[in-house]
Amino acid sequence: MKSAIESYIVKKVRQRRNKLKISQQYLADCLNVSRSFIKSIESPRTDKAYNVDHLNEIAKILKCSMREFIPEKPL
């Protein structure tokens, strides 16, 4: 299972992705990973999570700051 911070980050990325109407496939293509990789990260049943390099690239793709994915206070 994902840690609390990993779950929080995945939720924030998914919310931003959905707000911009960006598909899992498009995000996967931009990150040079498979759609199933993104799907598994977004699933609460797996322990897969984004790494810092992913988050940096995702922030570029979603046109936001990495800070948007990090909680203001520790969880």
C-alpha atoms as a PDB file:
ATOM      1  CA  MET A   1       0.000   0.000   0.000  1.00  0.00           C
ATOM      2  CA  LYS A   2       1.041   3.562  -0.588  1.00  0.00           C
ATOM      3  CA  SER A   3       2.109   5.766   2.290  1.00  0.00           C
ATOM      4  CA  ALA A   4      -0.067   8.739   3.247  1.00  0.00           C
ATOM      5  CA  ILE A   5       2.199  11.177   1.384  1.00  0.00           C
ATOM      6  CA  GLU A   6       2.332   8.982  -1.734  1.00  0.00           C
ATOM      7  CA  SER A   7      -1.468   8.725  -1.769  1.00  0.00           C
ATOM      8  CA  TYR A   8      -1.793  12.484  -1.314  1.00  0.00           C
ATOM      9  CA  ILE A   9       0.560  13.191  -4.219  1.00  0.00           C
ATOM     10  CA  VAL A  10      -1.166  10.715  -6.531  1.00  0.00           C
ATOM     11  CA  LYS A  11      -4.539  12.263  -5.678  1.00  0.00           C
ATOM     12  CA  LYS A  12      -3.280  15.792  -6.396  1.00  0.00           C
ATOM     13  CA  VAL A  13      -1.698  14.787  -9.718  1.00  0.00           C
ATOM     14  CA  ARG A  14      -4.882  12.951 -10.775  1.00  0.00           C
ATOM     15  CA  GLN A  15      -7.062  15.945  -9.809  1.00  0.00           C
ATOM     16  CA  ARG A  16      -4.891  18.352 -11.799  1.00  0.00           C
ATOM     17  CA  ARG A  17      -4.731  15.937 -14.754  1.00  0.00           C
ATOM     18  CA  ASN A  18      -8.515  15.560 -14.776  1.00  0.00           C
ATOM     19  CA  LYS A  19      -9.073  19.312 -14.396  1.00  0.00           C
ATOM     20  CA  LEU A  20      -6.995  19.893 -17.529  1.00  0.00           C
ATOM     21  CA  LYS A  21      -8.725  16.963 -19.284  1.00  0.00           C
ATOM     22  CA  ILE A  22      -5.435  15.168 -19.804  1.00  0.00           C
ATOM     23  CA  SER A  23      -5.757  11.423 -20.265  1.00  0.00           C
ATOM     24  CA  GLN A  24      -3.652   8.779 -18.592  1.00  0.00           C
ATOM     25  CA  GLN A  25      -2.419   7.842 -22.073  1.00  0.00           C
ATOM     26  CA  TYR A  26      -1.246  11.373 -22.865  1.00  0.00           C
ATOM     27  CA  LEU A  27       0.530  11.673 -19.507  1.00  0.00           C
ATOM     28  CA  ALA A  28       2.141   8.264 -20.044  1.00  0.00           C
ATOM     29  CA  ASP A  29       3.304   9.240 -23.528  1.00  0.00           C
ATOM     30  CA  CYS A  30       4.842  12.468 -22.207  1.00  0.00           C
ATOM     31  CA  LEU A  31       6.635  10.577 -19.430  1.00  0.00           C
ATOM     32  CA  ASN A  32       7.711   7.793 -21.793  1.00  0.00           C
ATOM     33  CA  VAL A  33       5.994   5.147 -19.677  1.00  0.00           C
ATOM     34  CA  SER A  34       3.025   2.879 -20.356  1.00  0.00           C
ATOM     35  CA  ARG A  35      -0.587   3.782 -19.641  1.00  0.00           C
ATOM     36  CA  SER A  36      -0.772   0.735 -17.374  1.00  0.00           C
ATOM     37  CA  PHE A  37       2.047   2.269 -15.298  1.00  0.00           C
ATOM     38  CA  ILE A  38      -0.018   5.435 -14.738  1.00  0.00           C
ATOM     39  CA  LYS A  39      -3.118   3.338 -14.073  1.00  0.00           C
ATOM     40  CA  SER A  40      -1.270   1.285 -11.459  1.00  0.00           C
ATOM     41  CA  ILE A  41       0.051   4.427  -9.763  1.00  0.00           C
ATOM     42  CA  GLU A  42      -3.451   5.895  -9.608  1.00  0.00           C
ATOM     43  CA  SER A  43      -4.841   2.666  -8.134  1.00  0.00           C
ATOM     44  CA  PRO A  44      -5.047   2.686  -4.332  1.00  0.00           C
ATOM     45  CA  ARG A  45      -4.453  -1.081  -4.364  1.00  0.00           C
ATOM     46  CA  THR A  46      -0.840  -0.900  -5.494  1.00  0.00           C
ATOM     47  CA  ASP A  47       2.296   0.420  -3.833  1.00  0.00           C
ATOM     48  CA  LYS A  48       3.595   2.081  -7.002  1.00  0.00           C
ATOM     49  CA  ALA A  49       4.153   5.829  -6.762  1.00  0.00           C
ATOM     50  CA  TYR A  50       5.721   8.667  -8.704  1.00  0.00           C
ATOM     51  CA  ASN A  51       9.371   9.445  -8.056  1.00  0.00           C
ATOM     52  CA  VAL A  52      10.855  12.954  -7.897  1.00  0.00           C
ATOM     53  CA  ASP A  53      11.875  12.864 -11.560  1.00  0.00           C
ATOM     54  CA  HIS A  54       8.301  11.935 -12.530  1.00  0.00           C
ATOM     55  CA  LEU A  55       6.911  14.785 -10.446  1.00  0.00           C
ATOM     56  CA  ASN A  56       9.268  17.279 -12.039  1.00  0.00           C
ATOM     57  CA  GLU A  57       8.167  16.222 -15.532  1.00  0.00           C
ATOM     58  CA  ILE A  58       4.489  16.070 -14.510  1.00  0.00           C
ATOM     59  CA  ALA A  59       4.694  19.647 -13.211  1.00  0.00           C
ATOM     60  CA  LYS A  60       5.988  20.719 -16.636  1.00  0.00           C
ATOM     61  CA  ILE A  61       3.260  18.786 -18.475  1.00  0.00           C
ATOM     62  CA  LEU A  62       0.478  20.043 -16.190  1.00  0.00           C
ATOM     63  CA  LYS A  63       1.946  23.563 -16.182  1.00  0.00           C
ATOM     64  CA  CYS A  64       2.160  23.969 -12.440  1.00  0.00           C
ATOM     65  CA  SER A  65       4.631  23.993  -9.596  1.00  0.00           C
ATOM     66  CA  MET A  66       5.718  20.788  -7.883  1.00  0.00           C
ATOM     67  CA  ARG A  67       4.533  22.489  -4.692  1.00  0.00           C
ATOM     68  CA  GLU A  68       0.977  21.893  -5.864  1.00  0.00           C
ATOM     69  CA  PHE A  69       1.492  18.177  -5.196  1.00  0.00           C
ATOM     70  CA  ILE A  70       3.011  18.534  -1.705  1.00  0.00           C
ATOM     71  CA  PRO A  71       0.926  19.198   1.424  1.00  0.00           C
ATOM     72  CA  GLU A  72       1.595  22.415   3.333  1.00  0.00           C
ATOM     73  CA  LYS A  73       2.027  20.498   6.599  1.00  0.00           C
ATOM     74  CA  PRO A  74       3.489  17.035   7.143  1.00  0.00           C
ATOM     75  CA  LEU A  75       0.960  14.214   7.132  1.00  0.00           C
END
